[in-house]
Amino acid sequence: MTNRSNLLIRRATPADARAIAEIGVLSWQAAYRGILPAGFLAGLSITAREIAWESMLDADEADEADDAPCWMAERDGTTIGYLASGPPRDDDVPLPSAEVYAIYVLPDEWRSGAGRALITTAVVHWQACGVEMLVLWALEANMAGRAFYEALGWRTDGTRQQIDLGGFRRPEIRYRFGSTPSLAFR
C-alpha cells in the first residue's frame, strides 16, 4: 500500500468492480471525446463492465496468484482511479516483461498525482517480481494520455496496431518502460 498525503493505493478486490466500471466509463467519455464516436461513448455500459470486472477480480482472488494485479487509487476514502496489469499479450515482447492493460483516473482527479502513483506502484511491483520491461498500448490520437506516459519516462517502440471497437477501428501505439539503460526503472 502507498499513502501519499491523502492518496491511498491498494489492491483491488471484487467489491471494487462497480467503482472500476464507473471510473472506466467516465474516463473513456472524457479522454476519448473527439477520438471515438460520440454515440459509442454515450452507449458505454457501466453494468456490463461491472459484471466483467467482478468476474475477473473473483478469479484473481480465487487463484491467489500475483500475476495480474489490479490496484485502486483512493483519495479521502473515495475511489478515483485504477490500474490493471499482467503478463504481456504480445508475442514479440521479450520476457521477463509485464503489461499495463488499463489505467484510468476520474477526470476531476487528472493531474492530481493518482495516475503517477498507480504507475509507480505497478513498476515497483513488477520490478520486485523480476520484470525488466513493461509495455502498454495507447490510442495514437490520445495526445494527453501519451504526454502523461512520456513525462514518466515511457517511450514508443515503433509498434502500431488497429484496435477494433465493434464496428470501427483506431490506431494504437505501444510504449515501453525499462527496456534500455535510458529507460531504467526509477
Foldseek 3Di string as FASTA:
>chain_A
DDQDPQKDKDWDALVCLLVALVQVLQQCQPQCVVPDDNVLSVPRDSVVSSVVSSVVRVVCVVVVDPAWIKMFMDGPRHTFWMWIKGCDPDPPDDPPEIETEDIGGRPVCPPVCRRVVRVLVVLVVVVVVVTQKYKYKDFPPSVVVVVVCVVVQKDFPPDKDWDDPDPDTTIITMIMARPDPSRNRD
